[in-house]
Amino acid sequence: MATDDSSGIMAVQGLVGPEIAASRITPGCNGEYYLHVGETEFGPLVTSLALHKCALIGLFCTEGFVSASRFSLLYVFEYKATVLILVRNTGGVATSVARLLPSASWFERECRDGFGIEFDGAFDERRLFLHETYPEGFHPLLKSVRNEPVAMRSAVDPAEEYPFRKVTGVGIYQVPVGPVHAGIIEPGHFRFSVIGEKIFNLEIRMFYKHRGIEKLAEGKRPQEVVHIAEAVSGDETVANATAYCCAVEKCTGTAVPDRAWYLRTILLELERIGSHLGDQAGMLIDIAFPLGANQFAVIREDVFRMNALLTGSRFMRGMVEIGGLSKDIRKEQLEELGTFVRQARKRYRVGLKIVLSTSSVLDRFAPTGIIRKSLLRPLNITGPAARASGGRVDVRVTHPYGIYDRCVPAPKPLHDGDVLSRFTVKASEILDSLDMIERLLASMPDGPVKTEPVVKDGYTLALVESARGQNLCWVWIRNGVVERYKIRTASFCNWQAIEHALQGEIVPDFPLINKSLNLSYAGTDL
C-alpha cells in the first residue's frame, strides 16, 4: 500500500507532533495517510488535530481490519490538502469525541447502530438509522449478520418512541412535518418548535429507509459494486460511481486512459449542471415565481435529454466503470453537445437576468436561511452551501482527481450565507461547468476509453466533489472481493446545517431554505 512520500509525512507530523515517529505514518494509495493509535495517545492526538483546525470528514467502523477479533474505527481528518486517517482498535467500547468535534455525533451514532459500538461520554445516544421497530441487539453491518430480511417489531410502546428535543415556554408549540410528504419525495421528519410562525428550534430525523447499501457490497467482485455505487443517490450517479472506481483504480494500480477521464469529467459536470438547475427552479417555484422557474426547468430537461443522447440514460447510468467507461461517445454526439452548450449558456443567462432583476425574488432570497461560516468546519458542511458562507473547499481543487489538476475550477465564494448566496454560487458554477465542458471538447484526445483492471487486494480512500459537495468513499478489497465499502455523501453532513439555517426564520420559508440546500434523502439512507 505504501509509497515514498517524505514531504507528505512531514506535513502529517506537523499536525500530530514530533513525538509520533515518521515510521508509524503510512502513505495510502490515493494521497491519504494512515496512523494506528493506541487508546492512551488517541485523546491527545485528536485534541491536537482539533487545535490545528482539522475537520473530521468521516468516521466509520470495520471488522477484521487489524485483528480478526476486534473492530477498527477509522477517523478521517482533513487539513487543506492533507488527509490523515487515525486507525483505532476497540473491542466494542470507545470514548466519544463528539463534544470536541461535533461532526462526530452522527458518525458515532451510525457506528453504534451498524456495529454495536458504544461511545462513552456521547451527548446523544439515540438511534440514528435503526428506527424503533428494529429489534434490540440487531446491528446489520456485523459480519455475523446475513443480508436477509429481519423480523421487525409489530408495535412500539409510546415510552420507546424516539425522544425529540423538547423546547418549552409560554406560547411555544410544535409543528411536525413528515416523514410522509404531500409530494412524491422520500421520507424525512422535521419537528419545528415555534411561537406564531417564528421558528425557535428545528430537529430533523432522516434514515427512514435503511437500504443496506454497504452490506450489499460485501463479498462481491469489485466490478459488481459499481452498480451499487450508482444507486446510492440517483442524481449523483456519476459522482458516486466515479468515487468508487477511483478508489479501486488507485488500489489496484489501474491507469485510466486520458480520453476516458475527459469524458468522465464532462459527465460529472453535466450532472452538476442538471442538479443546480433543478435547485434553482425549485427555489423559484417555492416563492411562486414560475416565470423564472420555467427558464431553468426547461434547460434542465434539455440537459437530461442530452445525457440520454450521450450515454443512453438520463442519469448517465452504466457509463462509469473500473478502468474508464463502458463505451466511447461518438464524434458527432460530442459535436452536438458543443452546440447545446453554447445555446444553453445564452438561454441560461437570459433566465438569470430575469430572476436577479426581480425585486420580489431578491426580497425573499435575502437574507433568508443564513448558515454561519463558523459552522462549516465543526459540522463538515461542504459544497455550494459552504461556498455561499465563505468556504473555499472544493475537492476538485484541494484533492484533484482525474484531469481536474489540468482543468482547474475556480471557486467563487460569497459570504452572506443566505438563500440568495446559495442561488448565486450555483449560478456561477453552472456557467463555469459549461465553460469547462467546452474546453474539454476542444482538446479531447483520441484513444481507448478503458483499461482492463487487474484485481488486487488493498484499501484506499477517494474523495469527489458532487453537486452537493464532498463525497467520501473507502474501499477495502480482500481475497479479490469487496470486504468493506463505505460511502458518505455530502448530504449526510449538510443535513445538520438546515437546523441552524432555520433558526429565527418563519415556517413558510422552510421549503425555500430546504430547496436551496437540495439535500438527498437517498444519499443519507444507506
Protein backbone atom coordinates (compact mmCIF):
# COMPACT_ATOMS: atom_id res chain seq x y z
CA MET A 1 0.00 0.00 0.00
CA ALA A 2 2.71 2.45 0.93
CA THR A 3 4.63 4.75 -1.34
CA ASP A 4 7.56 7.00 -0.51
CA ASP A 5 6.20 10.46 0.33
CA SER A 6 8.53 12.21 2.75
CA SER A 7 7.01 15.69 2.24
CA GLY A 8 3.53 14.38 2.95
CA ILE A 9 4.71 12.56 6.05
CA MET A 10 6.34 15.77 7.27
CA ALA A 11 3.02 17.59 6.77
CA VAL A 12 1.27 14.93 8.84
CA GLN A 13 3.91 15.16 11.55
CA GLY A 14 3.27 18.88 11.73
CA LEU A 15 -0.30 18.03 12.71
CA VAL A 16 0.28 15.12 15.11
CA GLY A 17 3.52 16.34 16.72
CA PRO A 18 7.16 15.20 16.66
CA GLU A 19 6.54 12.54 19.32
CA ILE A 20 4.89 10.39 16.62
CA ALA A 21 7.66 8.63 14.72
CA ALA A 22 7.60 9.12 10.97
CA SER A 23 7.89 5.35 10.54
CA ARG A 24 4.39 4.97 12.01
CA ILE A 25 2.76 7.13 9.33
CA THR A 26 1.87 5.02 6.30
CA PRO A 27 1.02 6.61 2.94
CA GLY A 28 -2.05 5.14 1.26
CA CYS A 29 -2.71 4.71 -2.44
CA ASN A 30 -4.52 7.98 -3.04
CA GLY A 31 -2.67 10.64 -1.09
CA GLU A 32 -4.13 9.76 2.31
CA TYR A 33 -2.05 8.74 5.36
CA TYR A 34 -2.76 6.11 7.99
CA LEU A 35 -1.69 6.18 11.63
CA HIS A 36 -2.53 3.33 14.01
CA VAL A 37 -3.02 4.72 17.51
CA GLY A 38 -3.42 3.26 20.98
CA GLU A 39 -6.04 4.36 23.48
CA THR A 40 -3.63 6.33 25.66
CA GLU A 41 -2.44 8.51 22.77
CA PHE A 42 -5.76 8.77 20.94
CA GLY A 43 -7.23 11.57 23.10
CA PRO A 44 -4.19 13.89 22.94
CA LEU A 45 -3.86 13.28 19.19
CA VAL A 46 -7.48 14.19 18.48
CA THR A 47 -7.15 17.29 20.67
CA SER A 48 -4.03 18.31 18.72
CA LEU A 49 -5.82 17.83 15.39
CA ALA A 50 -8.77 19.89 16.63
CA LEU A 51 -6.42 22.68 17.71
CA HIS A 52 -4.86 22.62 14.23
CA LYS A 53 -8.42 23.19 12.88
CA CYS A 54 -8.57 19.84 11.13
CA ALA A 55 -12.05 18.81 10.01
CA LEU A 56 -13.37 15.35 10.87
CA ILE A 57 -14.85 14.44 7.49
CA GLY A 58 -15.54 10.78 8.18
CA LEU A 59 -15.70 8.14 10.90
CA PHE A 60 -16.62 4.55 10.19
CA CYS A 61 -16.12 1.07 11.53
CA THR A 62 -14.91 -2.19 10.03
CA GLU A 63 -14.23 -5.68 11.33
CA GLY A 64 -11.00 -7.61 10.96
CA PHE A 65 -9.00 -4.73 9.52
CA VAL A 66 -6.18 -5.19 12.04
CA SER A 67 -7.33 -8.05 14.24
CA ALA A 68 -9.92 -10.68 13.40
CA SER A 69 -11.47 -10.42 16.85
CA ARG A 70 -11.64 -6.62 17.11
CA PHE A 71 -13.27 -3.65 15.46
CA SER A 72 -11.34 -0.82 13.85
CA LEU A 73 -12.63 2.74 13.91
CA LEU A 74 -11.23 4.90 11.12
CA TYR A 75 -11.27 8.65 11.80
CA VAL A 76 -10.73 10.65 8.59
CA PHE A 77 -9.28 14.13 9.18
CA GLU A 78 -8.68 16.79 6.54
CA TYR A 79 -6.47 19.84 6.74
CA LYS A 80 -6.03 21.73 3.47
CA ALA A 81 -4.54 19.14 1.08
CA THR A 82 -3.65 16.63 3.80
CA VAL A 83 -5.90 13.69 4.67
CA LEU A 84 -5.00 11.67 7.77
CA ILE A 85 -6.81 8.53 8.90
CA LEU A 86 -6.42 7.51 12.53
CA VAL A 87 -7.00 3.77 12.98
CA ARG A 88 -8.28 2.99 16.46
CA ASN A 89 -8.89 -0.61 17.51
CA THR A 90 -11.59 -1.47 20.01
CA GLY A 91 -13.39 -4.46 21.41
CA GLY A 92 -16.72 -2.64 21.24
CA VAL A 93 -16.40 0.39 23.55
CA ALA A 94 -14.69 3.68 22.70
CA THR A 95 -14.54 7.21 24.09
CA SER A 96 -16.70 9.73 22.24
CA VAL A 97 -15.08 12.73 20.56
CA ALA A 98 -18.36 14.43 19.64
CA ARG A 99 -18.07 17.13 22.30
CA LEU A 100 -14.76 18.19 20.77
CA LEU A 101 -15.68 17.51 17.13
CA PRO A 102 -19.45 17.95 16.58
CA SER A 103 -19.46 16.22 13.19
CA ALA A 104 -18.59 13.01 15.06
CA SER A 105 -22.06 12.79 16.64
CA TRP A 106 -23.91 11.33 13.65
CA PHE A 107 -20.84 9.25 12.72
CA GLU A 108 -20.72 7.69 16.19
CA ARG A 109 -24.46 7.01 16.21
CA GLU A 110 -24.08 5.36 12.81
CA CYS A 111 -21.30 3.09 14.12
CA ARG A 112 -23.42 2.25 17.17
CA ASP A 113 -26.41 1.23 15.06
CA GLY A 114 -24.37 -0.62 12.46
CA PHE A 115 -21.85 -2.45 14.65
CA GLY A 116 -22.99 -2.09 18.25
CA ILE A 117 -20.06 0.13 19.24
CA GLU A 118 -20.74 2.06 22.45
CA PHE A 119 -19.23 5.53 22.80
CA ASP A 120 -18.59 6.60 26.36
CA GLY A 121 -19.38 10.24 27.06
CA ALA A 122 -21.51 10.75 23.93
CA PHE A 123 -24.00 13.59 24.35
CA ASP A 124 -26.52 11.91 22.00
CA GLU A 125 -27.06 8.16 22.35
CA ARG A 126 -30.28 7.93 20.35
CA ARG A 127 -30.56 5.59 17.40
CA LEU A 128 -29.74 7.03 14.01
CA PHE A 129 -30.68 4.75 11.11
CA LEU A 130 -32.32 1.93 13.07
CA HIS A 131 -35.79 3.13 13.93
CA GLU A 132 -37.90 1.84 16.82
CA THR A 133 -39.33 -1.16 15.01
CA TYR A 134 -35.89 -2.77 14.60
CA PRO A 135 -35.26 -5.38 17.33
CA GLU A 136 -32.86 -4.69 20.18
CA GLY A 137 -29.37 -6.08 19.64
CA PHE A 138 -29.69 -6.02 15.84
CA HIS A 139 -26.65 -4.46 14.16
CA PRO A 140 -26.86 -5.04 10.39
CA LEU A 141 -23.23 -4.31 9.44
CA LEU A 142 -21.73 -7.04 11.62
CA LYS A 143 -20.13 -9.85 9.64
CA SER A 144 -22.23 -12.32 11.64
CA VAL A 145 -25.46 -10.80 10.30
CA ARG A 146 -26.58 -12.18 6.98
CA ASN A 147 -28.00 -9.92 4.28
CA GLU A 148 -31.60 -11.08 4.57
CA PRO A 149 -34.91 -9.72 5.93
CA VAL A 150 -35.10 -9.16 9.67
CA ALA A 151 -38.15 -9.72 11.86
CA MET A 152 -39.37 -6.22 12.70
CA ARG A 153 -41.34 -5.36 15.82
CA SER A 154 -45.04 -5.03 15.04
CA ALA A 155 -45.71 -2.46 17.77
CA VAL A 156 -43.72 0.06 19.78
CA ASP A 157 -44.64 1.24 23.25
CA PRO A 158 -45.04 5.06 23.43
CA ALA A 159 -42.28 5.16 26.05
CA GLU A 160 -39.89 3.70 23.45
CA GLU A 161 -40.63 6.23 20.73
CA TYR A 162 -37.85 8.49 19.51
CA PRO A 163 -37.21 11.25 22.08
CA PHE A 164 -37.20 14.50 20.14
CA ARG A 165 -35.69 17.53 21.86
CA LYS A 166 -38.24 19.39 23.92
CA VAL A 167 -38.45 23.18 23.78
CA THR A 168 -40.77 24.62 26.41
CA GLY A 169 -42.08 28.08 27.22
CA VAL A 170 -45.16 30.26 27.03
CA GLY A 171 -46.75 30.08 23.60
CA ILE A 172 -44.33 27.50 22.14
CA TYR A 173 -45.94 24.70 20.17
CA GLN A 174 -44.67 22.01 17.82
CA VAL A 175 -45.31 21.61 14.11
CA PRO A 176 -44.45 18.11 12.85
CA VAL A 177 -43.81 17.78 9.10
CA GLY A 178 -43.36 14.34 7.58
CA PRO A 179 -41.98 11.74 7.36
CA VAL A 180 -44.65 11.20 4.67
CA HIS A 181 -44.98 14.29 2.48
CA ALA A 182 -47.58 15.57 0.05
CA GLY A 183 -45.13 15.41 -2.86
CA ILE A 184 -43.54 12.32 -4.33
CA ILE A 185 -40.37 12.55 -2.27
CA GLU A 186 -38.60 10.28 0.15
CA PRO A 187 -39.36 10.25 3.89
CA GLY A 188 -37.88 12.70 6.34
CA HIS A 189 -39.27 14.20 9.52
CA PHE A 190 -38.98 17.88 10.51
CA ARG A 191 -40.04 18.86 14.03
CA PHE A 192 -40.48 22.64 14.45
CA SER A 193 -40.80 24.43 17.77
CA VAL A 194 -42.42 27.79 17.07
CA ILE A 195 -44.20 30.81 18.50
CA GLY A 196 -46.63 32.00 15.87
CA GLU A 197 -44.67 31.49 12.68
CA LYS A 198 -41.20 32.16 14.11
CA ILE A 199 -39.01 29.06 14.43
CA PHE A 200 -37.08 28.66 17.68
CA ASN A 201 -35.88 25.12 17.07
CA LEU A 202 -35.86 22.58 14.26
CA GLU A 203 -34.90 18.96 14.68
CA ILE A 204 -34.66 16.67 11.69
CA ARG A 205 -34.86 12.90 11.57
CA MET A 206 -33.83 11.05 8.44
CA PHE A 207 -32.96 7.39 7.81
CA TYR A 208 -36.47 6.00 7.42
CA LYS A 209 -35.36 3.50 4.79
CA HIS A 210 -32.14 1.73 5.68
CA ARG A 211 -31.37 0.05 2.35
CA GLY A 212 -28.33 -2.00 3.34
CA ILE A 213 -26.16 -0.47 0.59
CA GLU A 214 -22.84 -1.11 2.36
CA LYS A 215 -23.81 -4.63 3.42
CA LEU A 216 -24.94 -5.44 -0.11
CA ALA A 217 -21.44 -4.70 -1.43
CA GLU A 218 -19.72 -7.20 0.88
CA GLY A 219 -18.33 -10.27 -0.83
CA LYS A 220 -18.96 -9.02 -4.35
CA ARG A 221 -16.35 -8.68 -7.06
CA PRO A 222 -15.22 -5.05 -7.43
CA GLN A 223 -16.84 -4.73 -10.87
CA GLU A 224 -20.23 -5.74 -9.43
CA VAL A 225 -20.23 -2.95 -6.85
CA VAL A 226 -20.18 -0.16 -9.45
CA HIS A 227 -23.94 -0.53 -9.94
CA ILE A 228 -24.46 -0.41 -6.17
CA ALA A 229 -22.48 2.84 -6.02
CA GLU A 230 -24.67 4.28 -8.80
CA ALA A 231 -27.78 3.50 -6.73
CA VAL A 232 -26.68 5.46 -3.65
CA SER A 233 -28.43 8.59 -4.95
CA GLY A 234 -29.93 8.81 -8.41
CA ASP A 235 -28.89 12.38 -9.21
CA GLU A 236 -25.32 11.65 -8.05
CA THR A 237 -24.93 8.55 -10.23
CA VAL A 238 -21.73 9.67 -11.93
CA ALA A 239 -20.16 11.22 -8.83
CA ASN A 240 -20.62 8.16 -6.62
CA ALA A 241 -19.62 5.71 -9.35
CA THR A 242 -16.52 7.80 -10.04
CA ALA A 243 -15.61 7.91 -6.35
CA TYR A 244 -15.86 4.14 -6.06
CA CYS A 245 -13.98 3.50 -9.30
CA CYS A 246 -11.25 5.98 -8.34
CA ALA A 247 -10.72 4.10 -5.08
CA VAL A 248 -10.50 0.71 -6.79
CA GLU A 249 -8.30 2.07 -9.59
CA LYS A 250 -5.83 3.56 -7.12
CA CYS A 251 -5.91 0.42 -5.01
CA THR A 252 -5.25 -1.87 -7.98
CA GLY A 253 -2.88 0.44 -9.85
CA THR A 254 -5.21 0.72 -12.85
CA ALA A 255 -4.35 3.61 -15.20
CA VAL A 256 -7.44 5.21 -16.73
CA PRO A 257 -6.92 6.39 -20.35
CA ASP A 258 -6.86 10.14 -20.89
CA ARG A 259 -9.87 10.13 -23.21
CA ALA A 260 -11.90 8.29 -20.58
CA TRP A 261 -11.07 10.93 -17.99
CA TYR A 262 -12.02 13.74 -20.38
CA LEU A 263 -15.38 12.08 -20.96
CA ARG A 264 -15.87 11.25 -17.28
CA THR A 265 -15.26 14.89 -16.43
CA ILE A 266 -17.83 16.04 -18.98
CA LEU A 267 -20.38 13.66 -17.46
CA LEU A 268 -19.55 14.87 -13.94
CA GLU A 269 -20.06 18.49 -14.96
CA LEU A 270 -23.30 17.72 -16.81
CA GLU A 271 -24.54 16.08 -13.62
CA ARG A 272 -23.59 19.19 -11.65
CA ILE A 273 -25.42 21.47 -14.12
CA GLY A 274 -28.59 19.38 -14.03
CA SER A 275 -28.61 19.31 -10.23
CA HIS A 276 -28.06 23.05 -9.83
CA LEU A 277 -30.72 23.89 -12.42
CA GLY A 278 -33.21 21.75 -10.53
CA ASP A 279 -32.32 23.53 -7.29
CA GLN A 280 -32.78 26.96 -8.81
CA ALA A 281 -36.08 26.08 -10.46
CA GLY A 282 -37.29 24.62 -7.16
CA MET A 283 -36.34 27.73 -5.20
CA LEU A 284 -38.32 29.90 -7.60
CA ILE A 285 -41.35 27.59 -7.52
CA ASP A 286 -41.32 27.80 -3.71
CA ILE A 287 -41.72 31.60 -3.88
CA ALA A 288 -44.35 31.40 -6.64
CA PHE A 289 -42.20 32.83 -9.45
CA PRO A 290 -42.91 30.42 -12.34
CA LEU A 291 -41.59 32.82 -14.99
CA GLY A 292 -38.06 32.31 -13.68
CA ALA A 293 -38.53 28.68 -12.67
CA ASN A 294 -39.65 27.68 -16.15
CA GLN A 295 -36.49 29.15 -17.69
CA PHE A 296 -34.30 26.77 -15.67
CA ALA A 297 -36.64 23.77 -15.69
CA VAL A 298 -36.71 23.69 -19.49
CA ILE A 299 -32.91 23.87 -19.74
CA ARG A 300 -32.63 21.11 -17.10
CA GLU A 301 -34.91 18.86 -19.14
CA ASP A 302 -32.72 19.52 -22.19
CA VAL A 303 -29.65 18.55 -20.12
CA PHE A 304 -31.29 15.22 -19.27
CA ARG A 305 -32.10 14.64 -22.92
CA MET A 306 -28.51 15.38 -23.82
CA ASN A 307 -27.40 12.89 -21.13
CA ALA A 308 -29.60 10.26 -22.75
CA LEU A 309 -28.19 11.04 -26.20
CA LEU A 310 -24.60 10.68 -24.98
CA THR A 311 -24.99 7.68 -22.67
CA GLY A 312 -28.38 6.07 -23.22
CA SER A 313 -29.53 7.13 -19.73
CA ARG A 314 -30.96 10.41 -18.46
CA PHE A 315 -28.97 9.92 -15.24
CA MET A 316 -25.95 8.52 -17.15
CA ARG A 317 -26.13 5.10 -15.51
CA GLY A 318 -23.91 2.33 -16.77
CA MET A 319 -21.19 4.59 -18.19
CA VAL A 320 -18.52 4.78 -15.49
CA GLU A 321 -16.65 1.53 -14.96
CA ILE A 322 -13.45 0.49 -13.22
CA GLY A 323 -10.69 1.41 -15.65
CA GLY A 324 -12.65 4.01 -17.59
CA LEU A 325 -16.01 3.94 -19.38
CA SER A 326 -18.28 1.19 -20.65
CA LYS A 327 -18.35 2.77 -24.13
CA ASP A 328 -17.00 5.69 -26.13
CA ILE A 329 -19.04 8.70 -27.17
CA ARG A 330 -19.05 9.30 -30.92
CA LYS A 331 -17.61 12.43 -32.51
CA GLU A 332 -20.95 13.62 -33.90
CA GLN A 333 -22.56 13.28 -30.45
CA LEU A 334 -19.80 15.39 -28.93
CA GLU A 335 -20.30 17.99 -31.66
CA GLU A 336 -24.00 18.09 -30.79
CA LEU A 337 -23.04 18.55 -27.14
CA GLY A 338 -20.83 21.50 -28.10
CA THR A 339 -23.73 23.16 -29.93
CA PHE A 340 -26.01 22.52 -26.96
CA VAL A 341 -23.53 24.06 -24.50
CA ARG A 342 -23.27 27.28 -26.49
CA GLN A 343 -27.04 27.58 -26.79
CA ALA A 344 -27.68 26.64 -23.15
CA ARG A 345 -25.27 29.30 -21.93
CA LYS A 346 -27.18 32.03 -23.79
CA ARG A 347 -30.56 30.75 -22.62
CA TYR A 348 -29.36 30.45 -19.06
CA ARG A 349 -28.03 34.00 -18.95
CA VAL A 350 -31.44 35.27 -20.13
CA GLY A 351 -33.18 33.38 -17.32
CA LEU A 352 -30.63 34.52 -14.77
CA LYS A 353 -31.14 38.15 -15.75
CA ILE A 354 -34.89 37.82 -15.30
CA VAL A 355 -34.50 36.36 -11.82
CA LEU A 356 -31.80 38.65 -10.48
CA SER A 357 -33.56 41.79 -11.72
CA THR A 358 -36.84 40.94 -9.97
CA SER A 359 -37.03 42.71 -6.62
CA SER A 360 -39.66 40.37 -5.16
CA VAL A 361 -37.29 37.43 -5.70
CA LEU A 362 -34.38 39.20 -4.05
CA ASP A 363 -36.59 40.19 -1.11
CA ARG A 364 -37.46 36.53 -0.45
CA PHE A 365 -33.94 35.18 -1.04
CA ALA A 366 -32.02 37.69 1.12
CA PRO A 367 -31.25 37.48 4.00
CA THR A 368 -33.15 34.20 4.43
CA GLY A 369 -31.74 30.95 5.83
CA ILE A 370 -28.24 32.08 6.85
CA ILE A 371 -25.60 29.43 7.53
CA ARG A 372 -22.76 30.95 9.52
CA LYS A 373 -19.20 30.34 8.39
CA SER A 374 -18.27 29.27 11.93
CA LEU A 375 -20.38 26.11 11.42
CA LEU A 376 -18.60 24.86 8.30
CA ARG A 377 -15.66 23.01 9.81
CA PRO A 378 -17.35 21.70 13.01
CA LEU A 379 -20.20 20.13 11.03
CA ASN A 380 -18.16 19.47 7.84
CA ILE A 381 -20.58 21.43 5.68
CA THR A 382 -19.29 21.41 2.09
CA GLY A 383 -20.25 22.22 -1.49
CA PRO A 384 -22.24 25.28 -2.63
CA ALA A 385 -23.79 25.54 0.85
CA ALA A 386 -20.31 26.14 2.28
CA ARG A 387 -19.03 28.30 -0.55
CA ALA A 388 -22.03 30.59 -0.10
CA SER A 389 -20.89 31.12 3.51
CA GLY A 390 -17.26 31.97 2.82
CA GLY A 391 -15.87 28.43 2.49
CA ARG A 392 -13.38 27.71 -0.26
CA VAL A 393 -13.16 23.90 -0.11
CA ASP A 394 -13.76 22.15 -3.43
CA VAL A 395 -12.41 18.60 -3.79
CA ARG A 396 -11.66 19.25 -7.46
CA VAL A 397 -9.13 21.86 -6.28
CA THR A 398 -7.89 20.59 -2.91
CA HIS A 399 -7.68 16.90 -3.90
CA PRO A 400 -7.81 16.90 -7.72
CA TYR A 401 -8.73 13.59 -9.34
CA GLY A 402 -8.64 12.62 -12.99
CA ILE A 403 -7.80 15.69 -15.06
CA TYR A 404 -9.01 18.33 -12.61
CA ASP A 405 -5.36 19.19 -11.96
CA ARG A 406 -5.23 20.31 -15.60
CA CYS A 407 -8.73 21.74 -15.84
CA VAL A 408 -8.95 23.51 -12.50
CA PRO A 409 -12.24 25.10 -11.41
CA ALA A 410 -12.09 28.49 -9.75
CA PRO A 411 -14.39 28.55 -6.68
CA LYS A 412 -16.07 31.92 -6.23
CA PRO A 413 -17.19 32.01 -2.59
CA LEU A 414 -19.69 34.50 -1.22
CA HIS A 415 -20.04 35.44 2.42
CA ASP A 416 -23.66 36.20 3.29
CA GLY A 417 -24.59 32.52 3.64
CA ASP A 418 -28.26 33.06 2.72
CA VAL A 419 -30.55 31.64 0.04
CA LEU A 420 -29.51 34.36 -2.41
CA SER A 421 -25.84 33.48 -1.93
CA ARG A 422 -26.53 29.79 -2.50
CA PHE A 423 -28.54 30.61 -5.63
CA THR A 424 -25.74 32.85 -6.91
CA VAL A 425 -22.95 30.37 -6.17
CA LYS A 426 -24.86 27.68 -8.08
CA ALA A 427 -25.36 30.08 -10.99
CA SER A 428 -21.63 30.74 -11.10
CA GLU A 429 -20.89 27.01 -11.01
CA ILE A 430 -23.32 26.29 -13.85
CA LEU A 431 -21.55 28.82 -16.07
CA ASP A 432 -18.12 27.50 -15.03
CA SER A 433 -19.20 23.93 -15.81
CA LEU A 434 -20.47 24.93 -19.25
CA ASP A 435 -17.14 26.67 -19.95
CA MET A 436 -15.21 23.63 -18.72
CA ILE A 437 -17.17 21.26 -20.96
CA GLU A 438 -16.47 23.50 -23.95
CA ARG A 439 -12.72 23.49 -23.19
CA LEU A 440 -12.69 19.71 -22.76
CA LEU A 441 -14.47 19.22 -26.08
CA ALA A 442 -11.93 21.47 -27.81
CA SER A 443 -8.96 19.46 -26.51
CA MET A 444 -10.49 15.96 -26.48
CA PRO A 445 -7.75 13.34 -27.13
CA ASP A 446 -8.21 10.20 -29.19
CA GLY A 447 -7.57 6.74 -27.84
CA PRO A 448 -9.21 3.98 -25.82
CA VAL A 449 -11.75 4.66 -23.08
CA LYS A 450 -10.98 1.72 -20.81
CA THR A 451 -8.11 -0.24 -19.31
CA GLU A 452 -8.99 -3.71 -18.09
CA PRO A 453 -8.24 -3.74 -14.34
CA VAL A 454 -6.31 -6.47 -12.59
CA VAL A 455 -7.91 -7.04 -9.20
CA LYS A 456 -5.50 -6.71 -6.28
CA ASP A 457 -6.09 -6.69 -2.56
CA GLY A 458 -5.73 -3.43 -0.69
CA TYR A 459 -7.64 -0.42 0.62
CA THR A 460 -7.85 3.26 -0.14
CA LEU A 461 -9.90 6.43 0.18
CA ALA A 462 -11.36 8.57 -2.58
CA LEU A 463 -12.97 12.00 -2.43
CA VAL A 464 -15.03 13.61 -5.18
CA GLU A 465 -16.94 16.87 -5.48
CA SER A 466 -20.57 16.06 -6.23
CA ALA A 467 -23.10 18.78 -6.99
CA ARG A 468 -23.90 18.93 -3.26
CA GLY A 469 -20.32 18.86 -2.00
CA GLN A 470 -17.71 16.45 -0.71
CA ASN A 471 -18.47 12.74 -1.14
CA LEU A 472 -16.20 10.22 0.60
CA CYS A 473 -15.64 6.60 -0.40
CA TRP A 474 -13.41 4.00 1.28
CA VAL A 475 -12.92 0.57 -0.26
CA TRP A 476 -11.17 -2.49 1.15
CA ILE A 477 -10.57 -5.43 -1.18
CA ARG A 478 -9.56 -8.74 0.38
CA ASN A 479 -9.21 -12.11 -1.37
CA GLY A 480 -10.37 -10.50 -4.60
CA VAL A 481 -13.75 -9.30 -3.30
CA VAL A 482 -15.01 -6.19 -1.55
CA GLU A 483 -14.60 -6.61 2.20
CA ARG A 484 -15.86 -3.12 3.09
CA TYR A 485 -17.43 -0.36 1.04
CA LYS A 486 -18.09 2.86 2.92
CA ILE A 487 -19.80 5.77 1.24
CA ARG A 488 -20.57 9.13 2.88
CA THR A 489 -22.28 11.72 0.72
CA ALA A 490 -22.24 15.46 1.32
CA SER A 491 -25.90 15.29 2.32
CA PHE A 492 -25.07 13.22 5.42
CA CYS A 493 -23.23 16.19 6.92
CA ASN A 494 -25.11 19.04 5.25
CA TRP A 495 -28.50 17.95 6.60
CA GLN A 496 -27.43 19.22 10.01
CA ALA A 497 -26.88 22.72 8.58
CA ILE A 498 -30.59 23.19 7.94
CA GLU A 499 -31.33 23.07 11.68
CA HIS A 500 -29.17 26.18 12.07
CA ALA A 501 -30.35 27.91 8.88
CA LEU A 502 -33.97 27.86 10.12
CA GLN A 503 -33.26 29.50 13.48
CA GLY A 504 -35.32 32.69 13.74
CA GLU A 505 -36.95 32.22 10.34
CA ILE A 506 -40.66 31.66 9.71
CA VAL A 507 -42.35 28.37 8.83
CA PRO A 508 -43.37 29.46 5.27
CA ASP A 509 -39.69 29.93 4.40
CA PHE A 510 -38.82 26.33 5.26
CA PRO A 511 -39.48 24.94 1.73
CA LEU A 512 -37.33 27.67 0.19
CA ILE A 513 -34.40 27.15 2.57
CA ASN A 514 -34.68 23.39 2.25
CA LYS A 515 -34.63 23.58 -1.55
CA SER A 516 -31.67 25.97 -1.55
CA LEU A 517 -29.65 23.15 0.04
CA ASN A 518 -31.32 20.36 -2.00
CA LEU A 519 -30.11 17.52 0.18
CA SER A 520 -30.56 13.89 -0.75
CA TYR A 521 -32.66 11.55 1.39
CA ALA A 522 -31.42 8.50 -0.52
CA GLY A 523 -27.82 9.64 -0.23
CA THR A 524 -28.27 9.61 3.54
CA ASP A 525 -30.45 6.50 3.93
CA LEU A 526 -27.84 3.90 3.05
